[in-house]
Amino acid sequence: MNSEIKSRVPSNDQCYRLIKEYNVPDHIIQHSEMVCKVAVFLADKLNNQGENLSISEIEAAALLHDMTKMEGFKTGQNHAKTCKKLLAKLGFKRIGEIVAEHVKLQEGRNPQPLSEEEIINYSDKRVMHTRVVPLTERFAYLWERYGAKSLDKDAAKRIIQLENETYKLENKIFSKLDFTPEELLSFNR
């Protein structure tokens, strides 16, 4: 691995080289690009309101957050955790830490200030495939795909808990902004 790839935060070019090297399918790349657009937009607006979010970390984490997703389907492993390990191995420990929380935020998080992890987590929840959707639509999809068909009562509880946590996060983010969550739907135009 050349030293350029070992820098603390990979550039967009480095991210796309990694995506190609790890054979990330086009539909996951397109999803990640939309997550990136939403996350960078939110981070920029929040930074204008006094937050101190790293745009470069958010960009890289958004582009790479599902890099091991296809492998996870095959192995049954948690792709957030496998991606964290891979990124740490590649020298991007901080980006891996952000990616590790894109599915579920770790408990006991400091309520202030907003973190890069929270922005990636929320942005990923708002992007279904390649479209920005309301949380109601996203969680209806998750329920249909993972909860309703599951005989595992714990899966249903996890989805409900995740939905509640995501609405709290949305409130936290938008309490600092002068526009509503619905206005993110304009990314679909």
N, C-alpha and C. Protein backbone atom coordinates (compact mmCIF):
# COMPACT_ATOMS: atom_id res chain seq x y z
N MET A 1 0.86 -1.18 0.00
CA MET A 1 0.00 0.00 0.00
C MET A 1 0.90 1.23 0.00
N ASN A 2 0.65 2.15 -0.92
CA ASN A 2 1.54 3.30 -0.96
C ASN A 2 1.21 4.29 0.15
N SER A 3 2.16 5.18 0.42
CA SER A 3 2.02 6.08 1.57
C SER A 3 0.87 7.08 1.41
N GLU A 4 0.49 7.39 0.15
CA GLU A 4 -0.61 8.32 -0.08
C GLU A 4 -1.90 7.80 0.57
N ILE A 5 -2.14 6.50 0.48
CA ILE A 5 -3.35 5.89 1.04
C ILE A 5 -3.30 5.88 2.57
N LYS A 6 -2.13 6.03 3.17
CA LYS A 6 -1.99 5.94 4.62
C LYS A 6 -2.28 7.26 5.35
N SER A 7 -2.60 8.33 4.62
CA SER A 7 -2.86 9.61 5.28
C SER A 7 -4.08 9.50 6.20
N ARG A 8 -4.22 10.42 7.12
CA ARG A 8 -5.27 10.37 8.14
C ARG A 8 -6.68 10.40 7.56
N VAL A 9 -6.93 11.29 6.61
CA VAL A 9 -8.24 11.37 5.97
C VAL A 9 -8.03 11.19 4.47
N PRO A 10 -8.61 10.16 3.88
CA PRO A 10 -8.41 9.97 2.44
C PRO A 10 -9.11 11.06 1.63
N SER A 11 -8.48 11.44 0.54
CA SER A 11 -9.09 12.39 -0.39
C SER A 11 -10.23 11.67 -1.12
N ASN A 12 -11.02 12.44 -1.85
CA ASN A 12 -12.08 11.82 -2.65
C ASN A 12 -11.49 10.83 -3.65
N ASP A 13 -10.38 11.20 -4.28
CA ASP A 13 -9.73 10.27 -5.23
C ASP A 13 -9.31 8.98 -4.54
N GLN A 14 -8.75 9.10 -3.35
CA GLN A 14 -8.35 7.90 -2.60
C GLN A 14 -9.58 7.06 -2.25
N CYS A 15 -10.67 7.72 -1.86
CA CYS A 15 -11.90 6.99 -1.53
C CYS A 15 -12.37 6.19 -2.74
N TYR A 16 -12.39 6.83 -3.91
CA TYR A 16 -12.87 6.14 -5.11
C TYR A 16 -11.92 5.01 -5.53
N ARG A 17 -10.63 5.19 -5.28
CA ARG A 17 -9.70 4.07 -5.57
C ARG A 17 -9.99 2.89 -4.64
N LEU A 18 -10.24 3.18 -3.37
CA LEU A 18 -10.58 2.11 -2.42
C LEU A 18 -11.89 1.43 -2.80
N ILE A 19 -12.88 2.21 -3.17
CA ILE A 19 -14.18 1.67 -3.59
C ILE A 19 -13.99 0.72 -4.76
N LYS A 20 -13.17 1.13 -5.71
CA LYS A 20 -12.90 0.29 -6.88
C LYS A 20 -12.13 -0.97 -6.48
N GLU A 21 -11.10 -0.79 -5.66
CA GLU A 21 -10.27 -1.91 -5.21
C GLU A 21 -11.10 -2.97 -4.47
N TYR A 22 -12.10 -2.54 -3.72
CA TYR A 22 -12.92 -3.47 -2.94
C TYR A 22 -14.22 -3.84 -3.66
N ASN A 23 -14.27 -3.55 -4.96
CA ASN A 23 -15.37 -3.99 -5.83
C ASN A 23 -16.75 -3.62 -5.30
N VAL A 24 -16.90 -2.39 -4.86
CA VAL A 24 -18.19 -1.91 -4.38
C VAL A 24 -19.11 -1.74 -5.59
N PRO A 25 -20.29 -2.36 -5.56
CA PRO A 25 -21.22 -2.24 -6.70
C PRO A 25 -21.71 -0.81 -6.91
N ASP A 26 -22.08 -0.52 -8.16
CA ASP A 26 -22.52 0.83 -8.53
C ASP A 26 -23.67 1.34 -7.67
N HIS A 27 -24.65 0.48 -7.36
CA HIS A 27 -25.80 0.98 -6.59
C HIS A 27 -25.39 1.40 -5.17
N ILE A 28 -24.39 0.76 -4.61
CA ILE A 28 -23.91 1.16 -3.28
C ILE A 28 -23.08 2.44 -3.39
N ILE A 29 -22.32 2.58 -4.47
CA ILE A 29 -21.57 3.82 -4.69
C ILE A 29 -22.54 4.98 -4.81
N GLN A 30 -23.60 4.81 -5.59
CA GLN A 30 -24.58 5.88 -5.78
C GLN A 30 -25.27 6.24 -4.46
N HIS A 31 -25.59 5.24 -3.66
CA HIS A 31 -26.17 5.49 -2.34
C HIS A 31 -25.18 6.31 -1.49
N SER A 32 -23.93 5.88 -1.48
CA SER A 32 -22.91 6.56 -0.67
C SER A 32 -22.68 7.99 -1.13
N GLU A 33 -22.75 8.23 -2.42
CA GLU A 33 -22.60 9.59 -2.94
C GLU A 33 -23.73 10.49 -2.47
N MET A 34 -24.96 9.97 -2.44
CA MET A 34 -26.08 10.78 -1.96
C MET A 34 -25.97 11.01 -0.45
N VAL A 35 -25.56 9.99 0.29
CA VAL A 35 -25.33 10.18 1.73
C VAL A 35 -24.29 11.27 1.93
N CYS A 36 -23.25 11.27 1.11
CA CYS A 36 -22.20 12.27 1.20
C CYS A 36 -22.75 13.68 0.94
N LYS A 37 -23.57 13.82 -0.10
CA LYS A 37 -24.15 15.14 -0.40
C LYS A 37 -24.97 15.67 0.77
N VAL A 38 -25.81 14.81 1.33
CA VAL A 38 -26.66 15.23 2.45
C VAL A 38 -25.80 15.56 3.67
N ALA A 39 -24.85 14.69 3.98
CA ALA A 39 -24.02 14.88 5.17
C ALA A 39 -23.17 16.14 5.09
N VAL A 40 -22.55 16.38 3.94
CA VAL A 40 -21.73 17.58 3.78
C VAL A 40 -22.59 18.84 3.84
N PHE A 41 -23.75 18.79 3.22
CA PHE A 41 -24.68 19.93 3.28
C PHE A 41 -25.04 20.25 4.74
N LEU A 42 -25.45 19.21 5.48
CA LEU A 42 -25.82 19.43 6.89
C LEU A 42 -24.64 19.94 7.70
N ALA A 43 -23.48 19.33 7.53
CA ALA A 43 -22.30 19.73 8.30
C ALA A 43 -21.92 21.18 8.01
N ASP A 44 -21.99 21.57 6.75
CA ASP A 44 -21.67 22.95 6.38
C ASP A 44 -22.65 23.93 7.04
N LYS A 45 -23.94 23.61 6.97
CA LYS A 45 -24.95 24.47 7.59
C LYS A 45 -24.77 24.53 9.11
N LEU A 46 -24.46 23.39 9.71
CA LEU A 46 -24.25 23.35 11.16
C LEU A 46 -22.99 24.11 11.56
N ASN A 47 -21.93 23.99 10.76
CA ASN A 47 -20.71 24.75 11.05
C ASN A 47 -20.97 26.25 10.97
N ASN A 48 -21.86 26.66 10.06
CA ASN A 48 -22.24 28.08 9.98
C ASN A 48 -22.99 28.54 11.22
N GLN A 49 -23.53 27.58 12.00
CA GLN A 49 -24.25 27.89 13.24
C GLN A 49 -23.37 27.67 14.47
N GLY A 50 -22.06 27.47 14.26
CA GLY A 50 -21.15 27.37 15.39
C GLY A 50 -20.64 25.98 15.72
N GLU A 51 -21.11 24.96 15.03
CA GLU A 51 -20.57 23.62 15.26
C GLU A 51 -19.16 23.55 14.67
N ASN A 52 -18.43 22.50 15.00
CA ASN A 52 -17.06 22.36 14.53
C ASN A 52 -16.87 20.97 13.94
N LEU A 53 -17.61 20.68 12.89
CA LEU A 53 -17.58 19.35 12.26
C LEU A 53 -16.52 19.33 11.16
N SER A 54 -15.82 18.21 11.04
CA SER A 54 -14.81 18.06 10.00
C SER A 54 -15.46 17.62 8.69
N ILE A 55 -15.49 18.53 7.73
CA ILE A 55 -16.10 18.22 6.43
C ILE A 55 -15.31 17.12 5.73
N SER A 56 -13.99 17.15 5.80
CA SER A 56 -13.20 16.13 5.11
C SER A 56 -13.44 14.74 5.71
N GLU A 57 -13.56 14.65 7.03
CA GLU A 57 -13.86 13.36 7.65
C GLU A 57 -15.25 12.88 7.27
N ILE A 58 -16.20 13.79 7.24
CA ILE A 58 -17.58 13.43 6.88
C ILE A 58 -17.65 12.96 5.43
N GLU A 59 -16.97 13.66 4.54
CA GLU A 59 -16.96 13.25 3.13
C GLU A 59 -16.41 11.84 2.97
N ALA A 60 -15.25 11.59 3.56
CA ALA A 60 -14.62 10.29 3.43
C ALA A 60 -15.47 9.18 4.06
N ALA A 61 -15.98 9.44 5.25
CA ALA A 61 -16.79 8.42 5.92
C ALA A 61 -18.06 8.12 5.14
N ALA A 62 -18.68 9.14 4.57
CA ALA A 62 -19.90 8.93 3.79
C ALA A 62 -19.60 8.09 2.55
N LEU A 63 -18.54 8.41 1.86
CA LEU A 63 -18.21 7.66 0.64
C LEU A 63 -17.83 6.21 0.94
N LEU A 64 -17.23 5.97 2.10
CA LEU A 64 -16.71 4.63 2.42
C LEU A 64 -17.59 3.82 3.37
N HIS A 65 -18.68 4.37 3.86
CA HIS A 65 -19.42 3.73 4.96
C HIS A 65 -19.97 2.34 4.62
N ASP A 66 -20.26 2.07 3.37
CA ASP A 66 -20.80 0.75 2.99
C ASP A 66 -19.80 -0.08 2.17
N MET A 67 -18.52 0.23 2.31
CA MET A 67 -17.50 -0.43 1.50
C MET A 67 -17.50 -1.96 1.67
N THR A 68 -17.83 -2.46 2.85
CA THR A 68 -17.83 -3.91 3.07
C THR A 68 -19.25 -4.49 3.17
N LYS A 69 -20.22 -3.76 2.71
CA LYS A 69 -21.62 -4.21 2.83
C LYS A 69 -21.88 -5.51 2.09
N MET A 70 -21.40 -5.64 0.87
CA MET A 70 -21.65 -6.86 0.09
C MET A 70 -21.00 -8.07 0.76
N GLU A 71 -19.81 -7.86 1.28
CA GLU A 71 -19.13 -8.92 2.02
C GLU A 71 -19.96 -9.33 3.23
N GLY A 72 -20.56 -8.35 3.89
CA GLY A 72 -21.41 -8.62 5.06
C GLY A 72 -22.61 -9.47 4.71
N PHE A 73 -23.19 -9.24 3.52
CA PHE A 73 -24.32 -10.08 3.08
C PHE A 73 -23.88 -11.54 2.94
N LYS A 74 -22.67 -11.74 2.45
CA LYS A 74 -22.16 -13.10 2.23
C LYS A 74 -21.79 -13.78 3.53
N THR A 75 -21.16 -13.02 4.45
CA THR A 75 -20.63 -13.64 5.66
C THR A 75 -21.55 -13.52 6.87
N GLY A 76 -22.52 -12.61 6.79
CA GLY A 76 -23.39 -12.38 7.94
C GLY A 76 -22.77 -11.46 8.98
N GLN A 77 -21.57 -10.95 8.70
CA GLN A 77 -20.90 -10.05 9.64
C GLN A 77 -21.50 -8.65 9.56
N ASN A 78 -21.32 -7.90 10.62
CA ASN A 78 -21.78 -6.52 10.69
C ASN A 78 -20.86 -5.66 9.82
N HIS A 79 -21.39 -5.11 8.74
CA HIS A 79 -20.54 -4.38 7.80
C HIS A 79 -19.98 -3.09 8.40
N ALA A 80 -20.65 -2.51 9.37
CA ALA A 80 -20.11 -1.31 10.01
C ALA A 80 -18.83 -1.65 10.77
N LYS A 81 -18.83 -2.80 11.42
CA LYS A 81 -17.65 -3.23 12.18
C LYS A 81 -16.53 -3.70 11.27
N THR A 82 -16.87 -4.45 10.21
CA THR A 82 -15.81 -4.93 9.31
C THR A 82 -15.19 -3.76 8.55
N CYS A 83 -15.98 -2.76 8.22
CA CYS A 83 -15.45 -1.59 7.53
C CYS A 83 -14.54 -0.79 8.47
N LYS A 84 -14.93 -0.68 9.73
CA LYS A 84 -14.09 0.01 10.72
C LYS A 84 -12.72 -0.66 10.80
N LYS A 85 -12.70 -1.98 10.88
CA LYS A 85 -11.44 -2.71 10.96
C LYS A 85 -10.59 -2.52 9.72
N LEU A 86 -11.24 -2.60 8.56
CA LEU A 86 -10.51 -2.43 7.30
C LEU A 86 -9.91 -1.03 7.22
N LEU A 87 -10.69 -0.02 7.53
CA LEU A 87 -10.18 1.35 7.44
C LEU A 87 -9.05 1.60 8.43
N ALA A 88 -9.14 1.03 9.62
CA ALA A 88 -8.05 1.16 10.59
C ALA A 88 -6.78 0.49 10.05
N LYS A 89 -6.95 -0.67 9.46
CA LYS A 89 -5.81 -1.40 8.87
C LYS A 89 -5.16 -0.57 7.75
N LEU A 90 -5.97 0.19 7.02
CA LEU A 90 -5.47 1.02 5.92
C LEU A 90 -4.90 2.35 6.40
N GLY A 91 -4.97 2.60 7.71
CA GLY A 91 -4.42 3.84 8.26
C GLY A 91 -5.42 4.95 8.47
N PHE A 92 -6.71 4.64 8.34
CA PHE A 92 -7.77 5.64 8.48
C PHE A 92 -8.61 5.35 9.73
N LYS A 93 -7.95 5.32 10.87
CA LYS A 93 -8.62 4.95 12.12
C LYS A 93 -9.83 5.83 12.42
N ARG A 94 -9.67 7.13 12.32
CA ARG A 94 -10.78 8.05 12.64
C ARG A 94 -11.96 7.85 11.69
N ILE A 95 -11.69 7.66 10.42
CA ILE A 95 -12.78 7.43 9.46
C ILE A 95 -13.49 6.13 9.82
N GLY A 96 -12.73 5.12 10.20
CA GLY A 96 -13.33 3.86 10.64
C GLY A 96 -14.22 4.02 11.86
N GLU A 97 -13.80 4.87 12.79
CA GLU A 97 -14.61 5.12 13.99
C GLU A 97 -15.96 5.74 13.61
N ILE A 98 -15.94 6.65 12.66
CA ILE A 98 -17.19 7.29 12.21
C ILE A 98 -18.07 6.26 11.52
N VAL A 99 -17.48 5.50 10.61
CA VAL A 99 -18.21 4.48 9.84
C VAL A 99 -18.82 3.43 10.77
N ALA A 100 -18.14 3.11 11.84
CA ALA A 100 -18.61 2.07 12.77
C ALA A 100 -19.97 2.40 13.37
N GLU A 101 -20.32 3.69 13.39
CA GLU A 101 -21.58 4.11 14.01
C GLU A 101 -22.64 4.53 12.99
N HIS A 102 -22.45 4.19 11.72
CA HIS A 102 -23.44 4.64 10.73
C HIS A 102 -24.75 3.87 10.80
N VAL A 103 -24.74 2.68 11.37
CA VAL A 103 -25.98 1.90 11.53
C VAL A 103 -26.63 2.25 12.87
N LYS A 104 -25.83 2.22 13.92
CA LYS A 104 -26.32 2.49 15.27
C LYS A 104 -25.27 3.28 16.03
N LEU A 105 -25.69 4.37 16.63
CA LEU A 105 -24.77 5.16 17.44
C LEU A 105 -24.48 4.44 18.74
N GLN A 106 -23.25 4.57 19.21
CA GLN A 106 -22.93 3.93 20.48
C GLN A 106 -23.63 4.66 21.62
N GLU A 107 -23.97 3.92 22.63
CA GLU A 107 -24.70 4.48 23.77
C GLU A 107 -23.75 5.29 24.65
N GLY A 108 -24.32 6.19 25.41
CA GLY A 108 -23.53 6.99 26.35
C GLY A 108 -22.78 8.13 25.68
N ARG A 109 -23.20 8.48 24.48
CA ARG A 109 -22.54 9.55 23.71
C ARG A 109 -22.77 10.89 24.40
N ASN A 110 -21.77 11.74 24.36
CA ASN A 110 -21.88 13.11 24.87
C ASN A 110 -22.97 13.84 24.07
N PRO A 111 -23.96 14.40 24.74
CA PRO A 111 -25.07 15.02 24.01
C PRO A 111 -24.66 16.26 23.20
N GLN A 112 -23.58 16.92 23.57
CA GLN A 112 -23.12 18.11 22.83
C GLN A 112 -21.61 18.03 22.71
N PRO A 113 -21.00 18.52 21.73
CA PRO A 113 -21.56 19.05 20.50
C PRO A 113 -21.94 17.91 19.56
N LEU A 114 -22.49 18.26 18.41
CA LEU A 114 -22.79 17.25 17.39
C LEU A 114 -21.48 16.64 16.90
N SER A 115 -21.54 15.37 16.54
CA SER A 115 -20.34 14.67 16.06
C SER A 115 -20.48 14.25 14.60
N GLU A 116 -19.36 13.96 14.00
CA GLU A 116 -19.34 13.45 12.63
C GLU A 116 -20.12 12.14 12.56
N GLU A 117 -20.01 11.31 13.59
CA GLU A 117 -20.75 10.05 13.63
C GLU A 117 -22.25 10.29 13.52
N GLU A 118 -22.75 11.28 14.24
CA GLU A 118 -24.18 11.56 14.22
C GLU A 118 -24.64 12.05 12.84
N ILE A 119 -23.81 12.85 12.19
CA ILE A 119 -24.18 13.37 10.87
C ILE A 119 -24.22 12.24 9.85
N ILE A 120 -23.25 11.35 9.88
CA ILE A 120 -23.24 10.21 8.95
C ILE A 120 -24.40 9.27 9.26
N ASN A 121 -24.63 8.99 10.52
CA ASN A 121 -25.73 8.10 10.91
C ASN A 121 -27.06 8.66 10.41
N TYR A 122 -27.31 9.92 10.67
CA TYR A 122 -28.58 10.53 10.27
C TYR A 122 -28.70 10.59 8.74
N SER A 123 -27.66 11.00 8.07
CA SER A 123 -27.70 11.12 6.61
C SER A 123 -27.96 9.77 5.97
N ASP A 124 -27.36 8.73 6.50
CA ASP A 124 -27.59 7.38 5.97
C ASP A 124 -29.05 6.96 6.17
N LYS A 125 -29.64 7.35 7.28
CA LYS A 125 -31.04 7.01 7.53
C LYS A 125 -31.98 7.76 6.58
N ARG A 126 -31.57 8.93 6.13
CA ARG A 126 -32.42 9.72 5.24
C ARG A 126 -32.32 9.30 3.77
N VAL A 127 -31.30 8.50 3.43
CA VAL A 127 -31.11 8.11 2.03
C VAL A 127 -31.47 6.63 1.88
N MET A 128 -32.55 6.40 1.15
CA MET A 128 -32.97 5.03 0.83
C MET A 128 -32.58 4.79 -0.62
N HIS A 129 -31.66 3.86 -0.78
CA HIS A 129 -31.06 3.60 -2.09
C HIS A 129 -30.36 4.88 -2.55
N THR A 130 -30.94 5.61 -3.50
CA THR A 130 -30.28 6.84 -3.97
C THR A 130 -31.17 8.08 -3.79
N ARG A 131 -32.26 7.93 -3.06
CA ARG A 131 -33.20 9.03 -2.85
C ARG A 131 -33.24 9.45 -1.39
N VAL A 132 -33.36 10.76 -1.18
CA VAL A 132 -33.60 11.27 0.17
C VAL A 132 -35.09 11.07 0.44
N VAL A 133 -35.40 10.47 1.58
CA VAL A 133 -36.78 10.19 1.94
C VAL A 133 -37.04 10.66 3.38
N PRO A 134 -38.31 10.87 3.72
CA PRO A 134 -38.63 11.16 5.13
C PRO A 134 -38.32 9.93 6.00
N LEU A 135 -38.05 10.16 7.25
CA LEU A 135 -37.76 9.04 8.16
C LEU A 135 -38.93 8.05 8.20
N THR A 136 -40.16 8.54 8.07
CA THR A 136 -41.31 7.62 8.11
C THR A 136 -41.21 6.59 6.98
N GLU A 137 -40.83 7.04 5.79
CA GLU A 137 -40.70 6.13 4.66
C GLU A 137 -39.52 5.17 4.85
N ARG A 138 -38.42 5.68 5.36
CA ARG A 138 -37.24 4.85 5.56
C ARG A 138 -37.52 3.75 6.57
N PHE A 139 -38.18 4.10 7.67
CA PHE A 139 -38.43 3.08 8.69
C PHE A 139 -39.56 2.14 8.29
N ALA A 140 -40.50 2.59 7.47
CA ALA A 140 -41.51 1.67 6.93
C ALA A 140 -40.83 0.61 6.07
N TYR A 141 -39.85 1.05 5.28
CA TYR A 141 -39.07 0.11 4.45
C TYR A 141 -38.30 -0.87 5.32
N LEU A 142 -37.61 -0.36 6.34
CA LEU A 142 -36.84 -1.24 7.24
C LEU A 142 -37.76 -2.24 7.94
N TRP A 143 -38.92 -1.77 8.35
CA TRP A 143 -39.87 -2.64 9.02
C TRP A 143 -40.31 -3.76 8.08
N GLU A 144 -40.65 -3.38 6.85
CA GLU A 144 -41.10 -4.37 5.86
C GLU A 144 -39.99 -5.37 5.53
N ARG A 145 -38.80 -4.86 5.37
CA ARG A 145 -37.69 -5.73 4.96
C ARG A 145 -37.15 -6.60 6.09
N TYR A 146 -37.05 -6.04 7.30
CA TYR A 146 -36.38 -6.76 8.38
C TYR A 146 -37.27 -7.11 9.56
N GLY A 147 -38.31 -6.34 9.80
CA GLY A 147 -39.10 -6.54 11.01
C GLY A 147 -40.34 -7.37 10.81
N ALA A 148 -41.15 -7.02 9.83
CA ALA A 148 -42.45 -7.66 9.65
C ALA A 148 -42.32 -9.13 9.29
N LYS A 149 -41.31 -9.48 8.53
CA LYS A 149 -41.14 -10.86 8.08
C LYS A 149 -40.35 -11.70 9.09
N SER A 150 -39.76 -11.03 10.04
CA SER A 150 -38.88 -11.71 10.98
C SER A 150 -39.69 -12.38 12.10
N LEU A 151 -39.28 -13.56 12.43
CA LEU A 151 -39.85 -14.25 13.60
C LEU A 151 -39.11 -13.82 14.86
N ASP A 152 -38.05 -13.06 14.67
CA ASP A 152 -37.22 -12.60 15.77
C ASP A 152 -37.83 -11.33 16.38
N LYS A 153 -38.41 -11.47 17.57
CA LYS A 153 -39.02 -10.32 18.24
C LYS A 153 -38.00 -9.25 18.57
N ASP A 154 -36.74 -9.66 18.76
CA ASP A 154 -35.69 -8.69 19.04
C ASP A 154 -35.43 -7.78 17.85
N ALA A 155 -35.59 -8.31 16.63
CA ALA A 155 -35.40 -7.48 15.43
C ALA A 155 -36.41 -6.35 15.41
N ALA A 156 -37.65 -6.65 15.73
CA ALA A 156 -38.69 -5.62 15.77
C ALA A 156 -38.37 -4.58 16.84
N LYS A 157 -37.93 -5.02 18.00
CA LYS A 157 -37.57 -4.08 19.07
C LYS A 157 -36.42 -3.18 18.64
N ARG A 158 -35.43 -3.77 17.96
CA ARG A 158 -34.28 -2.98 17.52
C ARG A 158 -34.69 -1.91 16.51
N ILE A 159 -35.61 -2.26 15.60
CA ILE A 159 -36.05 -1.28 14.61
C ILE A 159 -36.81 -0.14 15.28
N ILE A 160 -37.68 -0.47 16.23
CA ILE A 160 -38.43 0.57 16.96
C ILE A 160 -37.48 1.46 17.74
N GLN A 161 -36.52 0.86 18.42
CA GLN A 161 -35.54 1.64 19.19
C GLN A 161 -34.72 2.54 18.26
N LEU A 162 -34.28 1.98 17.13
CA LEU A 162 -33.49 2.75 16.17
C LEU A 162 -34.31 3.93 15.62
N GLU A 163 -35.58 3.69 15.34
CA GLU A 163 -36.43 4.76 14.84
C GLU A 163 -36.57 5.87 15.88
N ASN A 164 -36.82 5.51 17.12
CA ASN A 164 -36.93 6.51 18.19
C ASN A 164 -35.64 7.31 18.34
N GLU A 165 -34.50 6.61 18.32
CA GLU A 165 -33.21 7.28 18.44
C GLU A 165 -32.96 8.23 17.27
N THR A 166 -33.38 7.82 16.07
CA THR A 166 -33.15 8.64 14.89
C THR A 166 -34.00 9.90 14.93
N TYR A 167 -35.24 9.80 15.40
CA TYR A 167 -36.06 11.01 15.54
C TYR A 167 -35.47 11.97 16.57
N LYS A 168 -34.92 11.44 17.64
CA LYS A 168 -34.26 12.30 18.64
C LYS A 168 -33.05 13.00 18.01
N LEU A 169 -32.29 12.24 17.21
CA LEU A 169 -31.13 12.82 16.54
C LEU A 169 -31.56 13.89 15.55
N GLU A 170 -32.63 13.63 14.81
CA GLU A 170 -33.14 14.63 13.87
C GLU A 170 -33.50 15.92 14.61
N ASN A 171 -34.17 15.79 15.74
CA ASN A 171 -34.52 16.97 16.54
C ASN A 171 -33.28 17.71 17.01
N LYS A 172 -32.27 16.97 17.42
CA LYS A 172 -31.01 17.58 17.89
C LYS A 172 -30.36 18.37 16.75
N ILE A 173 -30.28 17.77 15.58
CA ILE A 173 -29.65 18.43 14.43
C ILE A 173 -30.44 19.66 14.01
N PHE A 174 -31.74 19.50 13.83
CA PHE A 174 -32.55 20.59 13.27
C PHE A 174 -32.90 21.67 14.28
N SER A 175 -32.66 21.43 15.56
CA SER A 175 -32.85 22.50 16.55
C SER A 175 -31.80 23.59 16.34
N LYS A 176 -30.75 23.28 15.61
CA LYS A 176 -29.67 24.24 15.37
C LYS A 176 -29.75 24.87 13.98
N LEU A 177 -30.73 24.47 13.19
CA LEU A 177 -30.82 24.92 11.80
C LEU A 177 -32.08 25.74 11.55
N ASP A 178 -32.07 26.53 10.50
CA ASP A 178 -33.21 27.38 10.19
C ASP A 178 -34.05 26.83 9.04
N PHE A 179 -34.03 25.53 8.85
CA PHE A 179 -34.88 24.88 7.86
C PHE A 179 -35.31 23.53 8.43
N THR A 180 -36.28 22.91 7.80
CA THR A 180 -36.87 21.68 8.33
C THR A 180 -36.27 20.44 7.66
N PRO A 181 -36.42 19.28 8.28
CA PRO A 181 -35.94 18.04 7.66
C PRO A 181 -36.56 17.78 6.29
N GLU A 182 -37.79 18.22 6.10
CA GLU A 182 -38.48 18.00 4.82
C GLU A 182 -37.76 18.69 3.66
N GLU A 183 -37.06 19.75 3.96
CA GLU A 183 -36.37 20.50 2.91
C GLU A 183 -35.19 19.71 2.31
N LEU A 184 -34.75 18.66 2.99
CA LEU A 184 -33.70 17.81 2.42
C LEU A 184 -34.20 17.05 1.19
N LEU A 185 -35.52 16.93 1.05
CA LEU A 185 -36.08 16.22 -0.10
C LEU A 185 -35.73 16.92 -1.40
N SER A 186 -35.31 18.17 -1.34
CA SER A 186 -34.93 18.91 -2.56
C SER A 186 -33.70 18.30 -3.23
N PHE A 187 -32.96 17.45 -2.53
CA PHE A 187 -31.80 16.77 -3.13
C PHE A 187 -32.24 15.81 -4.25
N ASN A 188 -33.49 15.44 -4.28
CA ASN A 188 -33.98 14.49 -5.29
C ASN A 188 -34.23 15.16 -6.65
N ARG A 189 -34.20 16.46 -6.70
CA ARG A 189 -34.49 17.18 -7.95
C ARG A 189 -33.34 17.14 -8.89
